[in-house]
Amino acid sequence: MLLSHATLKASPPSGKATAIRDLLARDPVCLEIVQYLVRNTEAADTARGIAEWWIKRSLASTQDALLKLEEFGVVQAFAVQDSTFVYAYTKNPILRQSIARHQRGLPTLHRARER
């Protein structure tokens, strides 16, 4: 049985979409994770798997980005074993639609990746 890592929160404030767009504009690791999830909406993995396979980033920067994305409700974390969590794209259809619409308006990210 999977347990949600985040606590239940009240309805998001109206500025949530703007806050998410601002986060994605200033944090390239968050942006890369979201770009991957928009293309692979059913994907789920641990922080290490996301770092190594999805975005080729350091584990520390990936964990930091996942915590930010979880705080905004973009990803959900599920405990699968002791302190191991699997991260997946939100199931909220309105949030998914808003993020996908925003991503269609962005150019593809091209840059040298950190190791």
C-alpha atoms as a PDB file:
ATOM      1  CA  MET A   1       0.000   0.000   0.000  1.00  0.00           C
ATOM      2  CA  LEU A   2       1.356   3.405  -0.964  1.00  0.00           C
ATOM      3  CA  LEU A   3       1.115   6.236   1.534  1.00  0.00           C
ATOM      4  CA  SER A   4       1.213   9.885   0.506  1.00  0.00           C
ATOM      5  CA  HIS A   5       4.265  11.779   1.750  1.00  0.00           C
ATOM      6  CA  ALA A   6       2.537  15.182   1.662  1.00  0.00           C
ATOM      7  CA  THR A   7      -0.111  16.231   4.131  1.00  0.00           C
ATOM      8  CA  LEU A   8      -3.567  17.127   2.888  1.00  0.00           C
ATOM      9  CA  LYS A   9      -3.932  20.820   2.251  1.00  0.00           C
ATOM     10  CA  ALA A  10      -6.825  23.144   1.568  1.00  0.00           C
ATOM     11  CA  SER A  11      -7.663  24.297  -1.954  1.00  0.00           C
ATOM     12  CA  PRO A  12      -4.717  26.019  -3.603  1.00  0.00           C
ATOM     13  CA  PRO A  13      -4.666  29.810  -3.699  1.00  0.00           C
ATOM     14  CA  SER A  14      -5.400  31.477  -7.032  1.00  0.00           C
ATOM     15  CA  GLY A  15      -1.757  32.537  -7.347  1.00  0.00           C
ATOM     16  CA  LYS A  16      -0.557  28.922  -7.324  1.00  0.00           C
ATOM     17  CA  ALA A  17      -0.218  28.716 -11.117  1.00  0.00           C
ATOM     18  CA  THR A  18       1.826  31.911 -11.134  1.00  0.00           C
ATOM     19  CA  ALA A  19       4.024  30.605  -8.317  1.00  0.00           C
ATOM     20  CA  ILE A  20       4.643  27.364 -10.238  1.00  0.00           C
ATOM     21  CA  ARG A  21       5.532  29.280 -13.408  1.00  0.00           C
ATOM     22  CA  ASP A  22       7.941  31.446 -11.384  1.00  0.00           C
ATOM     23  CA  LEU A  23       9.536  28.336  -9.849  1.00  0.00           C
ATOM     24  CA  LEU A  24      10.018  26.750 -13.276  1.00  0.00           C
ATOM     25  CA  ALA A  25      11.488  29.988 -14.644  1.00  0.00           C
ATOM     26  CA  ARG A  26      14.118  30.236 -11.906  1.00  0.00           C
ATOM     27  CA  ASP A  27      14.928  26.574 -11.203  1.00  0.00           C
ATOM     28  CA  PRO A  28      16.233  24.589 -14.186  1.00  0.00           C
ATOM     29  CA  VAL A  29      16.153  21.273 -12.301  1.00  0.00           C
ATOM     30  CA  CYS A  30      12.456  21.714 -11.467  1.00  0.00           C
ATOM     31  CA  LEU A  31      11.847  22.646 -15.093  1.00  0.00           C
ATOM     32  CA  GLU A  32      13.581  19.527 -16.416  1.00  0.00           C
ATOM     33  CA  ILE A  33      11.601  17.260 -14.098  1.00  0.00           C
ATOM     34  CA  VAL A  34       8.332  18.894 -15.151  1.00  0.00           C
ATOM     35  CA  GLN A  35       9.260  18.687 -18.843  1.00  0.00           C
ATOM     36  CA  TYR A  36       9.899  14.968 -18.413  1.00  0.00           C
ATOM     37  CA  LEU A  37       6.599  14.459 -16.594  1.00  0.00           C
ATOM     38  CA  VAL A  38       4.608  16.384 -19.201  1.00  0.00           C
ATOM     39  CA  ARG A  39       6.005  13.995 -21.845  1.00  0.00           C
ATOM     40  CA  ASN A  40       5.674  10.902 -19.610  1.00  0.00           C
ATOM     41  CA  THR A  41       2.613  11.546 -17.460  1.00  0.00           C
ATOM     42  CA  GLU A  42       2.508   8.095 -15.861  1.00  0.00           C
ATOM     43  CA  ALA A  43       6.227   7.976 -14.969  1.00  0.00           C
ATOM     44  CA  ALA A  44       7.246   7.458 -11.341  1.00  0.00           C
ATOM     45  CA  ASP A  45      10.644   6.874  -9.757  1.00  0.00           C
ATOM     46  CA  THR A  46      12.818   7.494  -6.726  1.00  0.00           C
ATOM     47  CA  ALA A  47      14.886  10.669  -6.439  1.00  0.00           C
ATOM     48  CA  ARG A  48      17.968   8.670  -7.440  1.00  0.00           C
ATOM     49  CA  GLY A  49      16.224   7.223 -10.498  1.00  0.00           C
ATOM     50  CA  ILE A  50      14.985  10.647 -11.553  1.00  0.00           C
ATOM     51  CA  ALA A  51      18.468  12.123 -11.113  1.00  0.00           C
ATOM     52  CA  GLU A  52      20.271   9.332 -12.971  1.00  0.00           C
ATOM     53  CA  TRP A  53      17.781   8.367 -15.675  1.00  0.00           C
ATOM     54  CA  TRP A  54      15.386  11.221 -16.312  1.00  0.00           C
ATOM     55  CA  ILE A  55      17.464  14.384 -16.026  1.00  0.00           C
ATOM     56  CA  LYS A  56      21.139  13.382 -15.508  1.00  0.00           C
ATOM     57  CA  ARG A  57      21.603  15.690 -12.515  1.00  0.00           C
ATOM     58  CA  SER A  58      23.122  15.326  -9.073  1.00  0.00           C
ATOM     59  CA  LEU A  59      21.030  13.553  -6.459  1.00  0.00           C
ATOM     60  CA  ALA A  60      21.170  16.551  -4.113  1.00  0.00           C
ATOM     61  CA  SER A  61      19.858  19.045  -6.692  1.00  0.00           C
ATOM     62  CA  THR A  62      17.176  16.555  -7.770  1.00  0.00           C
ATOM     63  CA  GLN A  63      15.989  15.979  -4.184  1.00  0.00           C
ATOM     64  CA  ASP A  64      15.853  19.736  -3.607  1.00  0.00           C
ATOM     65  CA  ALA A  65      13.797  20.240  -6.776  1.00  0.00           C
ATOM     66  CA  LEU A  66      11.424  17.383  -5.916  1.00  0.00           C
ATOM     67  CA  LEU A  67      10.724  18.901  -2.496  1.00  0.00           C
ATOM     68  CA  LYS A  68       9.884  22.238  -4.134  1.00  0.00           C
ATOM     69  CA  LEU A  69       7.645  20.570  -6.716  1.00  0.00           C
ATOM     70  CA  GLU A  70       5.929  18.550  -3.999  1.00  0.00           C
ATOM     71  CA  GLU A  71       5.302  21.714  -1.989  1.00  0.00           C
ATOM     72  CA  PHE A  72       3.461  23.190  -4.990  1.00  0.00           C
ATOM     73  CA  GLY A  73       1.536  19.975  -5.646  1.00  0.00           C
ATOM     74  CA  VAL A  74       3.219  19.302  -8.995  1.00  0.00           C
ATOM     75  CA  VAL A  75       4.556  15.939  -7.825  1.00  0.00           C
ATOM     76  CA  GLN A  76       3.310  13.530  -5.196  1.00  0.00           C
ATOM     77  CA  ALA A  77       5.599  11.383  -3.052  1.00  0.00           C
ATOM     78  CA  PHE A  78       4.615   7.895  -1.985  1.00  0.00           C
ATOM     79  CA  ALA A  79       6.437   5.861   0.659  1.00  0.00           C
ATOM     80  CA  VAL A  80       7.336   2.454  -0.737  1.00  0.00           C
ATOM     81  CA  GLN A  81       9.855   1.179   1.797  1.00  0.00           C
ATOM     82  CA  ASP A  82      11.084   2.735   5.050  1.00  0.00           C
ATOM     83  CA  SER A  83      12.505   6.107   3.983  1.00  0.00           C
ATOM     84  CA  THR A  84      12.301   5.459   0.230  1.00  0.00           C
ATOM     85  CA  PHE A  85       9.815   7.525  -1.732  1.00  0.00           C
ATOM     86  CA  VAL A  86       8.607   7.283  -5.299  1.00  0.00           C
ATOM     87  CA  TYR A  87       7.705  10.543  -6.984  1.00  0.00           C
ATOM     88  CA  ALA A  88       4.955  10.854  -9.579  1.00  0.00           C
ATOM     89  CA  TYR A  89       3.161  13.605 -11.489  1.00  0.00           C
ATOM     90  CA  THR A  90       0.105  15.091  -9.821  1.00  0.00           C
ATOM     91  CA  LYS A  91      -3.207  13.454 -10.671  1.00  0.00           C
ATOM     92  CA  ASN A  92      -4.933  16.860 -10.525  1.00  0.00           C
ATOM     93  CA  PRO A  93      -6.243  17.318 -14.107  1.00  0.00           C
ATOM     94  CA  ILE A  94      -6.552  21.102 -13.820  1.00  0.00           C
ATOM     95  CA  LEU A  95      -2.977  21.480 -12.603  1.00  0.00           C
ATOM     96  CA  ARG A  96      -1.705  19.079 -15.285  1.00  0.00           C
ATOM     97  CA  GLN A  97      -3.537  21.028 -17.984  1.00  0.00           C
ATOM     98  CA  SER A  98      -2.181  24.352 -16.715  1.00  0.00           C
ATOM     99  CA  ILE A  99       1.399  23.041 -16.614  1.00  0.00           C
ATOM    100  CA  ALA A 100       1.138  21.429 -20.065  1.00  0.00           C
ATOM    101  CA  ARG A 101      -0.263  24.649 -21.531  1.00  0.00           C
ATOM    102  CA  HIS A 102       2.581  26.630 -19.973  1.00  0.00           C
ATOM    103  CA  GLN A 103       5.193  24.129 -21.218  1.00  0.00           C
ATOM    104  CA  ARG A 104       3.909  24.333 -24.803  1.00  0.00           C
ATOM    105  CA  GLY A 105       4.753  28.035 -24.699  1.00  0.00           C
ATOM    106  CA  LEU A 106       8.372  27.450 -23.605  1.00  0.00           C
ATOM    107  CA  PRO A 107      11.318  26.707 -25.867  1.00  0.00           C
ATOM    108  CA  THR A 108      13.057  23.349 -25.377  1.00  0.00           C
ATOM    109  CA  LEU A 109      15.772  23.540 -22.754  1.00  0.00           C
ATOM    110  CA  HIS A 110      19.253  23.040 -24.229  1.00  0.00           C
ATOM    111  CA  ARG A 111      22.301  23.336 -22.007  1.00  0.00           C
ATOM    112  CA  ALA A 112      25.318  21.499 -20.690  1.00  0.00           C
ATOM    113  CA  ARG A 113      24.237  19.223 -17.857  1.00  0.00           C
ATOM    114  CA  GLU A 114      25.966  19.055 -14.499  1.00  0.00           C
ATOM    115  CA  ARG A 115      27.297  15.666 -13.397  1.00  0.00           C
END
